[in-house]
Amino acid sequence: MEFPDLGKHCSEKTCKQLDFLPLKCDACKQDFCKDHFTYAAHMCPFAFKKDIRVPVCPLCNIPVPVKKGELPDVVVGKHMDRDCARCAVPKEKVFTHRCSQEGCRRKEMLQLPCVQCRRNFCIQHRHPLDHGCGPRGGPAGRAGCSATTAAECNPPGLASTPSFGWLAQRLRWKEKR
């Protein structure tokens, strides 16, 4: 060996490997190899001074203090059961906008006001023809109708069946020839 003073031996009792780039534990101030430098790998007796983790409650986002020797999961569970601030506050309702259509009890997350009468409606009754709102500036187009009332909005010359399409039209054209 040419350089007997170069490097240090790992302080782990089972290792004692000669390491030329040893890592010093910041808690116990001993030198370790790359395999044993973590607190858990060399079972550092002073790890509790440096490795401090405070769990956060998933409901109220408040840090929950954990004493030495207690399991964080148990302490957070007790916090959630007893004094969690989020559980004490009543949950706000999501579906608050009630439909103005007579007999409809549906509620929506967002307001869907009618362009003409300015009342709030559910998705099914949102178009003026769907809730009986009179047209302001002339007849409403077919796009203003929902699927349930589309047959009523079709002009008299078009077929109201859903199978009406270019293929059906072409077959009818061939039959006439």
C-alpha atoms as a PDB file:
ATOM      1  CA  MET A   1       0.000   0.000   0.000  1.00  0.00           C
ATOM      2  CA  GLU A   2       1.458   3.244  -1.070  1.00  0.00           C
ATOM      3  CA  PHE A   3      -0.875   5.637   0.762  1.00  0.00           C
ATOM      4  CA  PRO A   4      -1.712   4.131   4.150  1.00  0.00           C
ATOM      5  CA  ASP A   5      -3.058   7.416   5.534  1.00  0.00           C
ATOM      6  CA  LEU A   6      -5.388   8.112   2.596  1.00  0.00           C
ATOM      7  CA  GLY A   7      -9.112   7.515   3.201  1.00  0.00           C
ATOM      8  CA  LYS A   8     -10.942   6.294   6.287  1.00  0.00           C
ATOM      9  CA  HIS A   9     -12.604   3.119   7.367  1.00  0.00           C
ATOM     10  CA  CYS A  10     -16.377   2.951   7.665  1.00  0.00           C
ATOM     11  CA  SER A  11     -17.524   3.348  11.282  1.00  0.00           C
ATOM     12  CA  GLU A  12     -20.171   0.622  10.888  1.00  0.00           C
ATOM     13  CA  LYS A  13     -19.091  -2.364  12.987  1.00  0.00           C
ATOM     14  CA  THR A  14     -20.001  -4.935  10.347  1.00  0.00           C
ATOM     15  CA  CYS A  15     -18.404  -3.048   7.420  1.00  0.00           C
ATOM     16  CA  LYS A  16     -15.038  -1.383   8.192  1.00  0.00           C
ATOM     17  CA  GLN A  17     -14.513  -0.818   4.465  1.00  0.00           C
ATOM     18  CA  LEU A  18     -11.682   1.535   3.474  1.00  0.00           C
ATOM     19  CA  ASP A  19     -13.305   4.430   1.673  1.00  0.00           C
ATOM     20  CA  PHE A  20     -11.317   7.161  -0.072  1.00  0.00           C
ATOM     21  CA  LEU A  21     -14.308   9.518  -0.088  1.00  0.00           C
ATOM     22  CA  PRO A  22     -16.019   8.879   3.253  1.00  0.00           C
ATOM     23  CA  LEU A  23     -19.195  10.670   4.231  1.00  0.00           C
ATOM     24  CA  LYS A  24     -19.546  12.175   7.692  1.00  0.00           C
ATOM     25  CA  CYS A  25     -22.857  11.802   9.485  1.00  0.00           C
ATOM     26  CA  ASP A  26     -24.056  15.254  10.546  1.00  0.00           C
ATOM     27  CA  ALA A  27     -25.764  13.835  13.653  1.00  0.00           C
ATOM     28  CA  CYS A  28     -23.174  11.512  15.217  1.00  0.00           C
ATOM     29  CA  LYS A  29     -20.087  12.976  13.422  1.00  0.00           C
ATOM     30  CA  GLN A  30     -18.691   9.559  12.379  1.00  0.00           C
ATOM     31  CA  ASP A  31     -17.355   8.579   8.942  1.00  0.00           C
ATOM     32  CA  PHE A  32     -19.268   6.067   6.795  1.00  0.00           C
ATOM     33  CA  CYS A  33     -19.086   4.526   3.345  1.00  0.00           C
ATOM     34  CA  LYS A  34     -21.719   5.142   0.690  1.00  0.00           C
ATOM     35  CA  ASP A  35     -23.746   2.150   1.863  1.00  0.00           C
ATOM     36  CA  HIS A  36     -24.025   3.224   5.509  1.00  0.00           C
ATOM     37  CA  PHE A  37     -24.132   7.043   5.550  1.00  0.00           C
ATOM     38  CA  THR A  38     -27.940   7.327   5.951  1.00  0.00           C
ATOM     39  CA  TYR A  39     -29.393   7.497   9.475  1.00  0.00           C
ATOM     40  CA  ALA A  40     -31.295   4.238   9.007  1.00  0.00           C
ATOM     41  CA  ALA A  41     -28.363   2.332   7.483  1.00  0.00           C
ATOM     42  CA  HIS A  42     -26.054   2.827  10.464  1.00  0.00           C
ATOM     43  CA  MET A  43     -28.860   3.128  13.050  1.00  0.00           C
ATOM     44  CA  CYS A  44     -27.704   6.545  14.146  1.00  0.00           C
ATOM     45  CA  PRO A  45     -28.496   7.165  17.846  1.00  0.00           C
ATOM     46  CA  PHE A  46     -28.747  10.935  17.236  1.00  0.00           C
ATOM     47  CA  ALA A  47     -30.981  10.775  14.163  1.00  0.00           C
ATOM     48  CA  PHE A  48     -33.978  12.127  16.064  1.00  0.00           C
ATOM     49  CA  LYS A  49     -32.166  15.459  16.401  1.00  0.00           C
ATOM     50  CA  LYS A  50     -31.768  15.912  12.639  1.00  0.00           C
ATOM     51  CA  ASP A  51     -34.452  13.770  11.024  1.00  0.00           C
ATOM     52  CA  ILE A  52     -37.517  15.691  12.137  1.00  0.00           C
ATOM     53  CA  ARG A  53     -40.630  15.203  10.059  1.00  0.00           C
ATOM     54  CA  VAL A  54     -43.952  16.728  10.955  1.00  0.00           C
ATOM     55  CA  PRO A  55     -46.969  15.066   9.341  1.00  0.00           C
ATOM     56  CA  VAL A  56     -49.652  17.283   7.861  1.00  0.00           C
ATOM     57  CA  CYS A  57     -53.364  16.544   8.200  1.00  0.00           C
ATOM     58  CA  PRO A  58     -54.772  15.709   4.738  1.00  0.00           C
ATOM     59  CA  LEU A  59     -58.118  17.340   5.567  1.00  0.00           C
ATOM     60  CA  CYS A  60     -57.173  20.686   7.107  1.00  0.00           C
ATOM     61  CA  ASN A  61     -53.490  21.008   6.030  1.00  0.00           C
ATOM     62  CA  ILE A  62     -52.373  21.770   9.584  1.00  0.00           C
ATOM     63  CA  PRO A  63     -49.105  20.228  10.875  1.00  0.00           C
ATOM     64  CA  VAL A  64     -49.742  17.658  13.601  1.00  0.00           C
ATOM     65  CA  PRO A  65     -47.000  17.430  16.283  1.00  0.00           C
ATOM     66  CA  VAL A  66     -45.700  13.925  16.970  1.00  0.00           C
ATOM     67  CA  LYS A  67     -43.814  13.079  20.157  1.00  0.00           C
ATOM     68  CA  LYS A  68     -40.792  10.785  20.188  1.00  0.00           C
ATOM     69  CA  GLY A  69     -41.812   7.157  20.007  1.00  0.00           C
ATOM     70  CA  GLU A  70     -45.324   7.801  18.623  1.00  0.00           C
ATOM     71  CA  LEU A  71     -46.412   6.580  15.213  1.00  0.00           C
ATOM     72  CA  PRO A  72     -47.294   9.493  12.916  1.00  0.00           C
ATOM     73  CA  ASP A  73     -50.233   7.625  11.340  1.00  0.00           C
ATOM     74  CA  VAL A  74     -51.865   7.046  14.726  1.00  0.00           C
ATOM     75  CA  VAL A  75     -51.398  10.668  15.823  1.00  0.00           C
ATOM     76  CA  VAL A  76     -52.829  12.044  12.558  1.00  0.00           C
ATOM     77  CA  GLY A  77     -55.749   9.613  12.837  1.00  0.00           C
ATOM     78  CA  LYS A  78     -56.519  10.843  16.354  1.00  0.00           C
ATOM     79  CA  HIS A  79     -56.288  14.440  15.123  1.00  0.00           C
ATOM     80  CA  MET A  80     -58.758  13.718  12.328  1.00  0.00           C
ATOM     81  CA  ASP A  81     -61.176  12.027  14.745  1.00  0.00           C
ATOM     82  CA  ARG A  82     -61.025  14.627  17.510  1.00  0.00           C
ATOM     83  CA  ASP A  83     -59.931  18.148  16.664  1.00  0.00           C
ATOM     84  CA  CYS A  84     -59.591  18.484  12.906  1.00  0.00           C
ATOM     85  CA  ALA A  85     -60.678  22.013  11.923  1.00  0.00           C
ATOM     86  CA  ARG A  86     -61.947  20.885   8.511  1.00  0.00           C
ATOM     87  CA  CYS A  87     -64.386  18.368  10.002  1.00  0.00           C
ATOM     88  CA  ALA A  88     -65.910  21.011  12.291  1.00  0.00           C
ATOM     89  CA  VAL A  89     -66.770  23.265   9.337  1.00  0.00           C
ATOM     90  CA  PRO A  90     -69.840  22.090   7.422  1.00  0.00           C
ATOM     91  CA  LYS A  91     -69.067  21.131   3.847  1.00  0.00           C
ATOM     92  CA  GLU A  92     -70.278  23.629   1.275  1.00  0.00           C
ATOM     93  CA  LYS A  93     -72.812  22.385  -1.220  1.00  0.00           C
ATOM     94  CA  VAL A  94     -71.666  21.990  -4.806  1.00  0.00           C
ATOM     95  CA  PHE A  95     -75.005  21.783  -6.608  1.00  0.00           C
ATOM     96  CA  THR A  96     -76.659  25.040  -5.545  1.00  0.00           C
ATOM     97  CA  HIS A  97     -78.286  26.466  -8.686  1.00  0.00           C
ATOM     98  CA  ARG A  98     -81.832  25.142  -8.874  1.00  0.00           C
ATOM     99  CA  CYS A  99     -83.805  24.930 -12.120  1.00  0.00           C
ATOM    100  CA  SER A 100     -86.606  27.507 -12.509  1.00  0.00           C
ATOM    101  CA  GLN A 101     -88.749  25.185 -14.649  1.00  0.00           C
ATOM    102  CA  GLU A 102     -92.016  24.336 -12.925  1.00  0.00           C
ATOM    103  CA  GLY A 103     -91.907  20.761 -11.610  1.00  0.00           C
ATOM    104  CA  CYS A 104     -88.160  20.302 -12.177  1.00  0.00           C
ATOM    105  CA  ARG A 105     -86.074  19.724  -9.029  1.00  0.00           C
ATOM    106  CA  ARG A 106     -82.630  19.406 -10.595  1.00  0.00           C
ATOM    107  CA  LYS A 107     -79.688  21.462  -9.361  1.00  0.00           C
ATOM    108  CA  GLU A 108     -76.553  22.349 -11.305  1.00  0.00           C
ATOM    109  CA  MET A 109     -73.014  23.334 -10.309  1.00  0.00           C
ATOM    110  CA  LEU A 110     -73.005  26.350 -12.625  1.00  0.00           C
ATOM    111  CA  GLN A 111     -75.667  28.886 -13.436  1.00  0.00           C
ATOM    112  CA  LEU A 112     -77.286  28.412 -16.819  1.00  0.00           C
ATOM    113  CA  PRO A 113     -79.378  31.582 -17.281  1.00  0.00           C
ATOM    114  CA  CYS A 114     -81.753  31.901 -20.202  1.00  0.00           C
ATOM    115  CA  VAL A 115     -80.713  34.592 -22.668  1.00  0.00           C
ATOM    116  CA  GLN A 116     -84.271  35.879 -22.973  1.00  0.00           C
ATOM    117  CA  CYS A 117     -85.940  35.632 -19.533  1.00  0.00           C
ATOM    118  CA  ARG A 118     -82.720  35.634 -17.423  1.00  0.00           C
ATOM    119  CA  ARG A 119     -83.965  32.830 -15.140  1.00  0.00           C
ATOM    120  CA  ASN A 120     -81.688  29.921 -14.138  1.00  0.00           C
ATOM    121  CA  PHE A 121     -82.329  26.449 -15.611  1.00  0.00           C
ATOM    122  CA  CYS A 122     -80.823  22.949 -15.591  1.00  0.00           C
ATOM    123  CA  ILE A 123     -79.122  21.473 -18.650  1.00  0.00           C
ATOM    124  CA  GLN A 124     -82.340  19.850 -19.858  1.00  0.00           C
ATOM    125  CA  HIS A 125     -84.350  23.118 -19.767  1.00  0.00           C
ATOM    126  CA  ARG A 126     -81.618  25.661 -20.653  1.00  0.00           C
ATOM    127  CA  HIS A 127     -82.830  26.540 -24.172  1.00  0.00           C
ATOM    128  CA  PRO A 128     -85.776  28.952 -24.583  1.00  0.00           C
ATOM    129  CA  LEU A 129     -87.958  26.369 -26.362  1.00  0.00           C
ATOM    130  CA  ASP A 130     -87.281  23.792 -23.651  1.00  0.00           C
ATOM    131  CA  HIS A 131     -88.739  25.850 -20.832  1.00  0.00           C
ATOM    132  CA  GLY A 132     -91.517  27.642 -22.699  1.00  0.00           C
ATOM    133  CA  CYS A 133     -89.807  30.996 -23.003  1.00  0.00           C
ATOM    134  CA  GLY A 134     -91.257  32.990 -25.913  1.00  0.00           C
ATOM    135  CA  PRO A 135     -88.849  33.972 -28.674  1.00  0.00           C
ATOM    136  CA  ARG A 136     -87.778  37.589 -28.521  1.00  0.00           C
ATOM    137  CA  GLY A 137     -86.589  38.272 -32.046  1.00  0.00           C
ATOM    138  CA  GLY A 138     -88.269  35.613 -34.208  1.00  0.00           C
ATOM    139  CA  PRO A 139     -88.371  31.833 -34.252  1.00  0.00           C
ATOM    140  CA  ALA A 140     -85.516  29.959 -32.627  1.00  0.00           C
ATOM    141  CA  GLY A 141     -83.306  27.799 -34.804  1.00  0.00           C
ATOM    142  CA  ARG A 142     -83.079  24.037 -34.545  1.00  0.00           C
ATOM    143  CA  ALA A 143     -79.836  24.362 -32.582  1.00  0.00           C
ATOM    144  CA  GLY A 144     -81.795  25.845 -29.661  1.00  0.00           C
ATOM    145  CA  CYS A 145     -83.705  22.634 -29.023  1.00  0.00           C
ATOM    146  CA  SER A 146     -82.609  19.736 -26.901  1.00  0.00           C
ATOM    147  CA  ALA A 147     -82.653  16.182 -28.208  1.00  0.00           C
ATOM    148  CA  THR A 148     -86.042  15.524 -26.596  1.00  0.00           C
ATOM    149  CA  THR A 149     -87.807  18.297 -28.470  1.00  0.00           C
ATOM    150  CA  ALA A 150     -85.805  18.251 -31.720  1.00  0.00           C
ATOM    151  CA  ALA A 151     -88.641  16.509 -33.542  1.00  0.00           C
ATOM    152  CA  GLU A 152     -90.956  19.431 -32.746  1.00  0.00           C
ATOM    153  CA  CYS A 153     -88.454  21.963 -34.114  1.00  0.00           C
ATOM    154  CA  ASN A 154     -87.842  20.271 -37.483  1.00  0.00           C
ATOM    155  CA  PRO A 155     -89.269  22.075 -40.512  1.00  0.00           C
ATOM    156  CA  PRO A 156     -92.225  20.221 -42.084  1.00  0.00           C
ATOM    157  CA  GLY A 157     -90.270  19.175 -45.209  1.00  0.00           C
ATOM    158  CA  LEU A 158     -87.637  17.134 -43.335  1.00  0.00           C
ATOM    159  CA  ALA A 159     -88.132  13.686 -41.910  1.00  0.00           C
ATOM    160  CA  SER A 160     -88.021  13.508 -38.149  1.00  0.00           C
ATOM    161  CA  THR A 161     -86.535  10.023 -37.875  1.00  0.00           C
ATOM    162  CA  PRO A 162     -82.944   9.719 -36.699  1.00  0.00           C
ATOM    163  CA  SER A 163     -82.108   7.387 -39.638  1.00  0.00           C
ATOM    164  CA  PHE A 164     -82.653  10.212 -42.141  1.00  0.00           C
ATOM    165  CA  GLY A 165     -79.311  10.904 -43.744  1.00  0.00           C
ATOM    166  CA  TRP A 166     -77.493  11.010 -47.016  1.00  0.00           C
ATOM    167  CA  LEU A 167     -77.774   7.234 -47.528  1.00  0.00           C
ATOM    168  CA  ALA A 168     -81.537   7.202 -47.012  1.00  0.00           C
ATOM    169  CA  GLN A 169     -81.897  10.183 -49.325  1.00  0.00           C
ATOM    170  CA  ARG A 170     -79.850   8.449 -52.019  1.00  0.00           C
ATOM    171  CA  LEU A 171     -81.922   5.270 -51.768  1.00  0.00           C
ATOM    172  CA  ARG A 172     -85.136   7.272 -52.146  1.00  0.00           C
ATOM    173  CA  TRP A 173     -83.654   8.999 -55.216  1.00  0.00           C
ATOM    174  CA  LYS A 174     -82.878   5.626 -56.822  1.00  0.00           C
ATOM    175  CA  GLU A 175     -86.405   4.370 -56.097  1.00  0.00           C
ATOM    176  CA  LYS A 176     -87.926   7.346 -57.929  1.00  0.00           C
ATOM    177  CA  ARG A 177     -85.926   6.585 -61.108  1.00  0.00           C
END
